[in-house]
Amino acid sequence: MASNEILDLDVAALAEHLRAKKISPVEVTQVYLDRIARVDEKIHSYITVTSGDALAAAKKAEGEITAGNWRGTFHGVPVGLKDLLYTKGVLTTAGSKILADFRPDFDATAWARLKAQGAVMLGKLNLHEFAYGITSSNPHWGVCRNPYGLDRIPGGSSGGSAAAIVARTAPATIGTDTGGSIRIPASLCGCVGLKPTWSRVSRYGVVPLAYTMDHVGPITRTVRDAALMLNVIAGHDPNDSTSSREAVPDYTATLNAGVRGMRIGVIRELTDGLSDDVAKSFKAAMKQLTDLGASVDEVSIPTLATANVINSIATFTEALDYHEEWMRTRPDDYGTDVRRLLESGMAITGVAYVRAQRARAKVLADALAAMEKHDVLAAPGSAISAPKIGEGRLVGDGEPRVDVVDKILRFTAPFDCTGQPALAIPTGLGGDGLPLSMQIIGRPFDEPSVLRVSSAYEEARGALPPPSI
């Protein structure tokens, strides 16, 4: 099989070919390593490429598959990991100068579970420093770029994880989401990003940003691939006291069930301030779901704006808790934007933090009330397509400036506050050739409904034109 044909295969198709021995894990891994060598100097999606370890793991997987010892869907499949996940003996920087030489002595649970199924790690992916921002313009490891526009941000903080998917330098990746850091890069780069229910995936061995808001989840080409990865990484972990004991279903079971008879609520508070392209694309996506047999109407979550304030207060406070010693001893080793955010945490009082945490229950109650007669909710992934590098409010004082809170974060952060599952999926390309996206949001632990609606839409939408890199 030709290299370009291998690169076109999603995880589901790769698994079929690998299990049938039509291609080998070594062949697939080498194709991806060659692709990284060719194009990643333009994208900067990787901080570390683990070529030797990847080929060794691929060779081991090849021997096992040849012998008939099939471990599962990810056996022999290359993946990339956000450089926030611990990887035993492998550089884990969190995109920072402070952890520039850190090599953990154990693996993060999410990676350990993929590794146990025979997945092959291609390397560690670029991100906004310490996951504290949405541009992925990293001052220490290089500015990560959007494959659809090299002068555009890929979003963040999991910018490298989404850029690698779209640039075809990894078939599947893992990201983390505290204010939107899976869904924002998926939205701006044009791929699928799933933030599972809070506690659904263990965060053991993941450098924290805000421990009551952090989520770990898949960034992939397709909805099915996201479901396949969630099948592997979801579930209780005794090393993470916050991980849920809720049973893990087969997330692929209802992907082909369609949406006829399903009820979708469009969140009123997230339909204003949209660019013309986003408004048009989102409206077309809702019509597509209606044409497929779903009913679509409007719902309201009155406290949604409060959720953004809660997310900010919790993140400011909890991030400072983790970074407090380094802020005293190594403040100059942070990038300017991240240091300013950590300094902002110093102004948050204990009373404000407690009140914010108590208010989360009200926001979730309002969100669930809005879902009382609906299976899922829907909203744009962002009010705009990807801003230019240097244009975002968090990366400098130049003009023009984009209010990233109003245009991007207010669409994603509320669902970190509530802990609900939310999936970002492309709805097409705008007039500027950049991806547009929407979110499908569900009840806690109802990822199957989120995935079902997203899969039906994805099939009806068809493939997006790929970027020219």
Protein backbone atom coordinates (compact mmCIF):
# COMPACT_ATOMS: atom_id res chain seq x y z
CA MET A 1 0.00 0.00 0.00
CA ALA A 2 1.32 3.44 -0.93
CA SER A 3 2.29 5.88 1.80
CA ASN A 4 -0.44 8.37 0.92
CA GLU A 5 -3.03 5.60 1.10
CA ILE A 6 -1.85 4.64 4.59
CA LEU A 7 -2.00 8.26 5.70
CA ASP A 8 -5.60 8.44 4.49
CA LEU A 9 -6.71 5.60 6.77
CA ASP A 10 -8.42 6.47 10.04
CA VAL A 11 -7.89 4.32 13.14
CA ALA A 12 -10.86 2.07 12.39
CA ALA A 13 -9.53 1.31 8.89
CA LEU A 14 -5.93 0.99 10.09
CA ALA A 15 -7.02 -1.57 12.66
CA GLU A 16 -8.80 -3.65 10.01
CA HIS A 17 -5.75 -3.63 7.73
CA LEU A 18 -3.32 -4.38 10.56
CA ARG A 19 -5.37 -7.25 11.94
CA ALA A 20 -5.75 -8.72 8.45
CA LYS A 21 -1.95 -8.37 7.99
CA LYS A 22 -2.47 -6.29 4.83
CA ILE A 23 -0.04 -3.76 6.25
CA SER A 24 2.43 -3.99 9.11
CA PRO A 25 2.81 -1.79 12.21
CA VAL A 26 6.43 -1.11 11.21
CA GLU A 27 5.34 0.05 7.75
CA VAL A 28 2.63 2.31 9.19
CA THR A 29 4.92 3.78 11.84
CA GLN A 30 7.66 4.51 9.33
CA VAL A 31 5.18 6.25 7.03
CA TYR A 32 4.15 8.54 9.88
CA LEU A 33 7.72 9.22 10.96
CA ASP A 34 8.57 10.14 7.37
CA ARG A 35 5.54 12.43 7.23
CA ILE A 36 6.60 14.14 10.46
CA ALA A 37 10.09 14.66 9.03
CA ARG A 38 8.63 16.22 5.85
CA VAL A 39 6.01 18.60 7.20
CA ASP A 40 6.30 19.20 10.92
CA GLU A 41 8.97 21.88 10.58
CA LYS A 42 6.13 24.00 9.17
CA ILE A 43 3.54 23.04 11.81
CA HIS A 44 5.62 22.48 14.99
CA SER A 45 3.05 20.03 16.34
CA TYR A 46 5.71 17.90 18.06
CA ILE A 47 8.07 18.74 20.89
CA THR A 48 9.66 15.28 20.96
CA VAL A 49 9.59 12.60 18.25
CA THR A 50 10.37 9.15 19.66
CA SER A 51 11.45 7.49 16.43
CA GLY A 52 13.58 4.68 17.90
CA ASP A 53 11.09 3.72 20.59
CA ALA A 54 8.23 3.91 18.09
CA LEU A 55 9.88 1.53 15.63
CA ALA A 56 10.80 -0.87 18.43
CA ALA A 57 7.19 -0.88 19.69
CA ALA A 58 5.92 -1.33 16.14
CA LYS A 59 8.24 -4.30 15.60
CA LYS A 60 6.97 -5.90 18.81
CA ALA A 61 3.36 -5.32 17.72
CA GLU A 62 4.12 -6.81 14.33
CA GLY A 63 5.45 -9.99 15.92
CA GLU A 64 2.40 -10.31 18.15
CA ILE A 65 -0.09 -9.76 15.31
CA THR A 66 1.76 -12.18 13.06
CA ALA A 67 1.56 -14.78 15.82
CA GLY A 68 -2.18 -14.23 16.13
CA ASN A 69 -2.04 -12.40 19.44
CA TRP A 70 -4.36 -9.50 18.59
CA ARG A 71 -4.75 -7.12 21.55
CA GLY A 72 -7.38 -4.75 20.21
CA THR A 73 -8.18 -1.82 17.96
CA PHE A 74 -5.03 0.17 18.75
CA HIS A 75 -2.62 -2.74 18.36
CA GLY A 76 0.14 -1.40 16.13
CA VAL A 77 -1.59 1.97 15.62
CA PRO A 78 0.66 5.04 16.03
CA VAL A 79 -0.57 7.79 18.36
CA GLY A 80 0.68 11.16 19.58
CA LEU A 81 0.36 12.39 23.16
CA LYS A 82 -0.03 15.93 24.42
CA ASP A 83 3.20 16.69 26.26
CA LEU A 84 1.26 16.96 29.50
CA LEU A 85 0.94 13.18 29.89
CA TYR A 86 3.66 11.36 31.79
CA THR A 87 5.61 8.89 29.66
CA LYS A 88 8.11 6.70 31.47
CA GLY A 89 11.67 7.68 30.59
CA VAL A 90 10.51 10.06 27.84
CA LEU A 91 10.80 13.83 28.02
CA THR A 92 7.60 15.36 29.41
CA THR A 93 7.88 19.15 29.34
CA ALA A 94 4.28 20.40 29.68
CA GLY A 95 5.44 22.86 27.03
CA SER A 96 7.53 24.65 29.64
CA LYS A 97 11.08 25.67 30.41
CA ILE A 98 10.62 24.60 34.02
CA LEU A 99 10.10 20.93 33.07
CA ALA A 100 12.50 21.04 30.12
CA ASP A 101 14.49 18.06 31.42
CA PHE A 102 11.73 16.10 33.19
CA ARG A 103 11.53 12.38 32.47
CA PRO A 104 8.86 10.64 34.56
CA ASP A 105 9.38 7.18 36.05
CA PHE A 106 5.84 6.00 35.20
CA ASP A 107 3.19 6.39 32.50
CA ALA A 108 -0.04 8.35 32.72
CA THR A 109 -2.96 5.94 33.00
CA ALA A 110 -4.54 7.07 29.71
CA TRP A 111 -1.32 6.29 27.85
CA ALA A 112 -0.70 3.10 29.86
CA ARG A 113 -4.08 1.75 28.72
CA LEU A 114 -3.37 2.48 25.06
CA LYS A 115 0.13 1.06 25.44
CA ALA A 116 -1.29 -2.13 26.98
CA GLN A 117 -3.37 -2.58 23.83
CA GLY A 118 -0.22 -2.30 21.72
CA ALA A 119 -0.42 1.33 20.58
CA VAL A 120 2.78 2.89 19.25
CA MET A 121 3.80 6.32 20.58
CA LEU A 122 5.13 8.60 17.85
CA GLY A 123 6.06 11.37 20.26
CA LYS A 124 4.94 14.20 22.52
CA LEU A 125 2.86 17.02 21.11
CA ASN A 126 3.24 20.78 21.40
CA LEU A 127 0.85 22.81 23.55
CA HIS A 128 0.32 26.13 25.21
CA GLU A 129 2.76 26.34 28.12
CA PHE A 130 1.42 24.32 31.07
CA ALA A 131 -1.89 24.09 29.15
CA TYR A 132 -2.68 27.65 30.28
CA GLY A 133 -3.88 29.35 27.11
CA ILE A 134 -5.62 28.77 23.79
CA THR A 135 -3.08 29.86 21.16
CA SER A 136 -0.32 27.22 21.43
CA SER A 137 2.15 29.99 20.60
CA ASN A 138 4.77 28.41 22.79
CA PRO A 139 7.75 30.66 23.69
CA HIS A 140 9.94 27.72 24.71
CA TRP A 141 9.29 25.01 22.11
CA GLY A 142 8.06 26.87 19.05
CA VAL A 143 4.84 28.39 17.75
CA CYS A 144 2.41 25.69 16.71
CA ARG A 145 0.54 26.51 13.49
CA ASN A 146 -2.81 25.66 11.97
CA PRO A 147 -2.51 23.30 8.96
CA TYR A 148 -5.30 25.20 7.16
CA GLY A 149 -3.43 28.48 7.51
CA LEU A 150 0.17 28.64 8.70
CA ASP A 151 -0.36 32.22 9.86
CA ARG A 152 -3.24 31.08 12.09
CA ILE A 153 -3.33 29.63 15.59
CA PRO A 154 -4.34 25.97 15.91
CA GLY A 155 -6.14 26.76 19.15
CA GLY A 156 -5.10 25.42 22.50
CA SER A 157 -4.01 24.32 24.77
CA SER A 158 -3.90 21.01 22.86
CA GLY A 159 -2.86 22.74 19.66
CA GLY A 160 -0.27 20.20 18.63
CA SER A 161 -2.72 17.34 19.20
CA ALA A 162 -5.24 18.78 16.73
CA ALA A 163 -2.67 20.09 14.24
CA ALA A 164 -1.05 16.64 14.04
CA ILE A 165 -4.38 15.04 13.15
CA VAL A 166 -5.11 17.48 10.35
CA ALA A 167 -1.52 17.56 9.07
CA ARG A 168 -1.57 13.73 8.92
CA THR A 169 1.37 13.42 11.33
CA ALA A 170 -0.64 11.17 13.68
CA PRO A 171 -3.82 9.14 13.14
CA ALA A 172 -5.02 9.72 16.72
CA THR A 173 -3.93 11.87 19.65
CA ILE A 174 -4.79 12.64 23.25
CA GLY A 175 -5.53 16.12 24.56
CA THR A 176 -6.73 17.69 27.79
CA ASP A 177 -9.56 20.17 28.36
CA THR A 178 -9.97 22.64 31.25
CA GLY A 179 -11.63 25.59 29.51
CA GLY A 180 -11.96 24.07 26.05
CA SER A 181 -8.47 22.79 25.32
CA ILE A 182 -9.64 19.70 23.40
CA ARG A 183 -12.60 21.29 21.63
CA ILE A 184 -11.03 24.66 20.73
CA PRO A 185 -8.14 23.20 18.70
CA ALA A 186 -10.45 20.60 17.17
CA SER A 187 -12.83 23.41 16.18
CA LEU A 188 -10.16 25.69 14.74
CA CYS A 189 -8.17 22.94 12.99
CA GLY A 190 -11.11 20.96 11.62
CA CYS A 191 -11.09 17.59 13.39
CA VAL A 192 -13.02 15.78 16.13
CA GLY A 193 -12.34 16.53 19.79
CA LEU A 194 -14.20 14.76 22.60
CA LYS A 195 -14.20 16.06 26.17
CA PRO A 196 -15.68 13.19 28.14
CA THR A 197 -17.65 13.57 31.34
CA TRP A 198 -15.46 14.79 34.21
CA SER A 199 -14.01 11.72 35.98
CA ARG A 200 -14.72 9.42 33.02
CA VAL A 201 -11.00 9.21 32.10
CA SER A 202 -8.25 9.03 34.72
CA ARG A 203 -6.01 12.07 35.09
CA TYR A 204 -3.32 10.17 36.95
CA GLY A 205 0.06 11.11 35.53
CA VAL A 206 -1.20 14.25 33.78
CA VAL A 207 0.36 17.61 34.70
CA PRO A 208 -2.62 19.51 36.15
CA LEU A 209 -3.97 22.92 35.29
CA ALA A 210 -7.10 23.04 37.48
CA TYR A 211 -7.83 19.72 39.11
CA THR A 212 -11.61 20.19 39.48
CA MET A 213 -11.92 21.19 35.80
CA ASP A 214 -9.31 19.05 33.99
CA HIS A 215 -10.49 16.41 31.52
CA VAL A 216 -8.51 13.96 29.33
CA GLY A 217 -9.89 12.85 25.96
CA PRO A 218 -9.37 11.92 22.30
CA ILE A 219 -8.65 14.16 19.34
CA THR A 220 -9.20 12.21 16.12
CA ARG A 221 -10.20 12.36 12.48
CA THR A 222 -13.62 10.80 12.93
CA VAL A 223 -16.29 10.34 15.55
CA ARG A 224 -15.83 6.57 15.38
CA ASP A 225 -12.13 6.93 16.16
CA ALA A 226 -12.98 9.05 19.20
CA ALA A 227 -15.39 6.36 20.38
CA LEU A 228 -12.77 3.66 19.81
CA MET A 229 -10.17 5.52 21.86
CA LEU A 230 -12.65 6.27 24.64
CA ASN A 231 -13.38 2.54 24.82
CA VAL A 232 -9.74 2.04 25.80
CA ILE A 233 -8.97 4.98 28.08
CA ALA A 234 -12.27 5.31 30.00
CA GLY A 235 -12.92 3.68 33.36
CA HIS A 236 -12.05 3.74 37.02
CA ASP A 237 -8.42 4.03 38.05
CA PRO A 238 -7.45 3.31 41.67
CA ASN A 239 -4.59 5.78 41.27
CA ASP A 240 -7.07 8.61 40.63
CA SER A 241 -9.47 9.04 43.54
CA THR A 242 -11.70 11.27 41.39
CA SER A 243 -12.15 8.73 38.59
CA SER A 244 -15.67 7.36 38.28
CA ARG A 245 -16.76 3.78 38.88
CA GLU A 246 -19.58 4.21 36.37
CA ALA A 247 -19.68 1.24 34.00
CA VAL A 248 -17.94 1.74 30.65
CA PRO A 249 -20.19 0.85 27.69
CA ASP A 250 -19.10 0.09 24.14
CA TYR A 251 -19.10 3.63 22.77
CA THR A 252 -19.35 2.37 19.19
CA ALA A 253 -22.56 0.39 19.81
CA THR A 254 -25.04 3.09 18.73
CA LEU A 255 -22.92 5.06 16.28
CA ASN A 256 -25.00 3.87 13.33
CA ALA A 257 -28.40 4.24 15.02
CA GLY A 258 -29.18 7.55 13.32
CA VAL A 259 -30.97 10.51 14.88
CA ARG A 260 -34.57 9.94 13.83
CA GLY A 261 -36.75 10.86 16.79
CA MET A 262 -33.92 12.42 18.78
CA ARG A 263 -34.40 15.88 20.29
CA ILE A 264 -31.67 18.51 20.00
CA GLY A 265 -31.70 21.78 21.91
CA VAL A 266 -29.81 24.77 20.48
CA ILE A 267 -28.44 26.86 23.35
CA ARG A 268 -29.86 30.38 22.94
CA GLU A 269 -27.07 32.04 24.91
CA LEU A 270 -24.48 30.71 22.43
CA THR A 271 -26.07 31.88 19.20
CA ASP A 272 -25.19 35.58 19.37
CA GLY A 273 -22.04 37.36 18.24
CA LEU A 274 -21.24 34.79 15.57
CA SER A 275 -19.36 35.59 12.39
CA ASP A 276 -21.48 35.30 9.26
CA ASP A 277 -19.66 32.11 8.25
CA VAL A 278 -20.15 30.47 11.63
CA ALA A 279 -23.84 31.44 11.78
CA LYS A 280 -24.49 30.13 8.28
CA SER A 281 -22.57 26.89 8.83
CA PHE A 282 -24.20 26.18 12.19
CA LYS A 283 -27.67 26.81 10.78
CA ALA A 284 -26.91 24.43 7.91
CA ALA A 285 -25.73 21.76 10.38
CA MET A 286 -28.98 22.05 12.34
CA LYS A 287 -30.98 21.74 9.11
CA GLN A 288 -28.96 18.66 8.20
CA LEU A 289 -29.85 17.05 11.53
CA THR A 290 -33.50 17.99 11.00
CA ASP A 291 -33.42 16.42 7.55
CA LEU A 292 -32.04 13.25 9.16
CA GLY A 293 -35.11 13.04 11.38
CA ALA A 294 -34.13 14.87 14.56
CA SER A 295 -36.24 17.63 16.07
CA VAL A 296 -34.32 20.86 16.72
CA ASP A 297 -35.50 23.75 18.85
CA GLU A 298 -34.09 26.41 21.15
CA VAL A 299 -33.34 26.07 24.88
CA SER A 300 -31.98 28.45 27.48
CA ILE A 301 -29.38 28.03 30.22
CA PRO A 302 -29.73 31.29 32.19
CA THR A 303 -26.57 30.85 34.26
CA LEU A 304 -24.29 30.06 31.32
CA ALA A 305 -22.38 33.35 31.61
CA THR A 306 -21.85 32.58 35.29
CA ALA A 307 -20.17 29.33 34.28
CA ASN A 308 -17.40 31.27 32.52
CA VAL A 309 -16.73 33.30 35.67
CA ILE A 310 -16.71 30.13 37.78
CA ASN A 311 -14.28 28.46 35.40
CA SER A 312 -11.93 31.46 35.55
CA ILE A 313 -11.96 31.70 39.35
CA ALA A 314 -11.41 27.97 39.81
CA THR A 315 -8.66 27.85 37.19
CA PHE A 316 -6.83 30.92 38.51
CA THR A 317 -6.85 29.50 42.04
CA GLU A 318 -6.08 25.86 41.33
CA ALA A 319 -3.36 26.65 38.80
CA LEU A 320 -1.61 28.87 41.34
CA ASP A 321 -1.83 26.05 43.89
CA TYR A 322 0.22 23.80 41.58
CA HIS A 323 2.67 26.52 40.51
CA GLU A 324 3.06 28.41 43.79
CA GLU A 325 6.61 27.28 44.59
CA TRP A 326 7.90 27.86 41.06
CA MET A 327 6.25 31.28 41.02
CA ARG A 328 8.30 32.15 44.11
CA THR A 329 11.57 30.62 42.93
CA ARG A 330 11.48 30.65 39.08
CA PRO A 331 9.01 33.32 37.90
CA ASP A 332 11.20 34.40 34.99
CA ASP A 333 11.11 30.90 33.53
CA TYR A 334 7.45 31.28 32.56
CA GLY A 335 6.25 32.85 29.34
CA THR A 336 4.82 36.33 29.87
CA ASP A 337 1.18 35.38 29.28
CA VAL A 338 1.22 32.36 31.59
CA ARG A 339 3.03 34.24 34.35
CA ARG A 340 0.39 37.00 34.18
CA LEU A 341 -2.40 34.46 34.50
CA LEU A 342 -0.72 32.86 37.50
CA GLU A 343 -0.28 36.29 39.07
CA SER A 344 -4.01 36.86 38.58
CA GLY A 345 -4.62 33.86 40.80
CA MET A 346 -3.02 35.73 43.68
CA ALA A 347 -5.95 38.16 43.68
CA ILE A 348 -8.62 35.48 44.15
CA THR A 349 -9.81 35.22 47.74
CA GLY A 350 -10.73 32.01 49.48
CA VAL A 351 -14.31 33.25 49.80
CA ALA A 352 -14.54 33.85 46.05
CA TYR A 353 -13.20 30.37 45.30
CA VAL A 354 -15.64 28.65 47.67
CA ARG A 355 -18.58 30.60 46.31
CA ALA A 356 -17.58 29.77 42.74
CA GLN A 357 -17.41 26.07 43.52
CA ARG A 358 -20.79 26.15 45.26
CA ALA A 359 -22.34 27.91 42.25
CA ARG A 360 -21.33 25.08 39.90
CA ALA A 361 -24.27 22.97 41.10
CA LYS A 362 -26.71 25.67 39.96
CA VAL A 363 -25.18 25.87 36.49
CA LEU A 364 -25.33 22.10 36.08
CA ALA A 365 -28.93 22.08 37.33
CA ASP A 366 -29.86 24.70 34.73
CA ALA A 367 -28.09 22.76 31.99
CA LEU A 368 -29.90 19.56 32.94
CA ALA A 369 -33.20 21.42 33.13
CA ALA A 370 -32.62 22.60 29.56
CA MET A 371 -32.13 18.94 28.61
CA GLU A 372 -35.29 17.74 30.32
CA LYS A 373 -37.04 17.28 26.97
CA HIS A 374 -33.90 16.92 24.86
CA ASP A 375 -31.35 14.17 24.22
CA VAL A 376 -28.42 16.51 23.52
CA LEU A 377 -27.63 20.21 23.25
CA ALA A 378 -25.90 21.97 20.37
CA ALA A 379 -23.85 25.15 20.00
CA PRO A 380 -21.12 26.53 17.75
CA GLY A 381 -17.59 25.50 18.73
CA SER A 382 -16.44 29.11 18.42
CA ALA A 383 -17.87 32.43 17.22
CA ILE A 384 -15.02 32.81 14.72
CA SER A 385 -12.55 30.81 12.67
CA ALA A 386 -8.91 30.65 13.74
CA PRO A 387 -7.38 34.07 14.53
CA LYS A 388 -3.99 35.01 13.15
CA ILE A 389 -0.94 34.22 15.24
CA GLY A 390 -0.20 37.22 17.44
CA GLU A 391 -3.74 38.53 17.10
CA GLY A 392 -5.17 36.75 20.13
CA ARG A 393 -5.62 38.67 23.37
CA LEU A 394 -3.36 36.32 25.29
CA VAL A 395 -0.26 36.65 23.12
CA GLY A 396 0.70 40.29 23.20
CA ASP A 397 -0.46 43.88 22.96
CA GLY A 398 -0.43 44.39 19.22
CA GLU A 399 -3.39 45.39 17.07
CA PRO A 400 -5.82 44.13 16.00
CA ARG A 401 -6.77 42.14 19.07
CA VAL A 402 -9.33 39.36 19.40
CA ASP A 403 -11.41 39.01 22.55
CA VAL A 404 -10.76 35.30 22.89
CA VAL A 405 -13.01 35.00 25.94
CA ASP A 406 -16.06 36.33 24.12
CA LYS A 407 -15.32 34.78 20.73
CA ILE A 408 -13.99 31.37 21.80
CA LEU A 409 -13.85 30.48 25.50
CA ARG A 410 -17.45 31.37 26.35
CA PHE A 411 -18.56 28.56 23.99
CA THR A 412 -16.46 25.86 25.63
CA ALA A 413 -15.63 26.73 29.25
CA PRO A 414 -19.19 26.29 30.62
CA PHE A 415 -19.07 22.56 29.99
CA ASP A 416 -15.83 22.16 31.94
CA CYS A 417 -17.68 23.89 34.76
CA THR A 418 -20.61 21.44 34.50
CA GLY A 419 -18.45 18.43 33.65
CA GLN A 420 -20.80 17.37 30.84
CA PRO A 421 -19.50 15.45 27.81
CA ALA A 422 -19.04 17.68 24.78
CA LEU A 423 -17.74 16.92 21.30
CA ALA A 424 -16.47 19.38 18.70
CA ILE A 425 -17.01 18.41 15.07
CA PRO A 426 -16.30 20.34 11.86
CA THR A 427 -19.24 21.80 9.94
CA GLY A 428 -17.27 22.89 6.90
CA LEU A 429 -14.85 25.57 5.72
CA GLY A 430 -15.58 29.28 5.75
CA GLY A 431 -15.01 31.77 2.98
CA ASP A 432 -11.46 32.22 4.25
CA GLY A 433 -10.81 28.49 3.80
CA LEU A 434 -10.59 27.89 7.56
CA PRO A 435 -12.55 25.24 9.48
CA LEU A 436 -15.83 25.93 11.26
CA SER A 437 -17.28 23.71 13.94
CA MET A 438 -20.11 22.92 16.32
CA GLN A 439 -20.41 21.18 19.67
CA ILE A 440 -22.77 18.43 20.72
CA ILE A 441 -23.25 18.31 24.51
CA GLY A 442 -24.85 15.56 26.58
CA ARG A 443 -25.87 14.57 30.08
CA PRO A 444 -23.11 13.36 32.39
CA PHE A 445 -21.95 9.90 31.26
CA ASP A 446 -24.17 9.97 28.17
CA GLU A 447 -21.31 10.02 25.70
CA PRO A 448 -23.22 7.46 23.57
CA SER A 449 -25.91 10.04 22.65
CA VAL A 450 -23.28 12.69 21.91
CA LEU A 451 -21.37 10.29 19.69
CA ARG A 452 -24.54 9.02 17.99
CA VAL A 453 -25.69 12.49 16.93
CA SER A 454 -22.18 13.52 15.91
CA SER A 455 -21.66 10.37 13.85
CA ALA A 456 -24.93 10.79 11.97
CA TYR A 457 -24.07 14.39 11.15
CA GLU A 458 -20.51 13.51 10.14
CA GLU A 459 -21.72 10.88 7.68
CA ALA A 460 -24.23 13.26 6.13
CA ARG A 461 -21.72 16.12 5.96
CA GLY A 462 -19.08 14.17 4.06
CA ALA A 463 -15.34 14.73 4.06
CA LEU A 464 -13.78 18.17 4.37
CA PRO A 465 -11.26 19.27 1.74
CA PRO A 466 -7.79 18.67 3.22
CA PRO A 467 -5.36 21.53 3.83
CA SER A 468 -2.48 22.22 1.47
CA ILE A 469 0.68 22.24 3.54
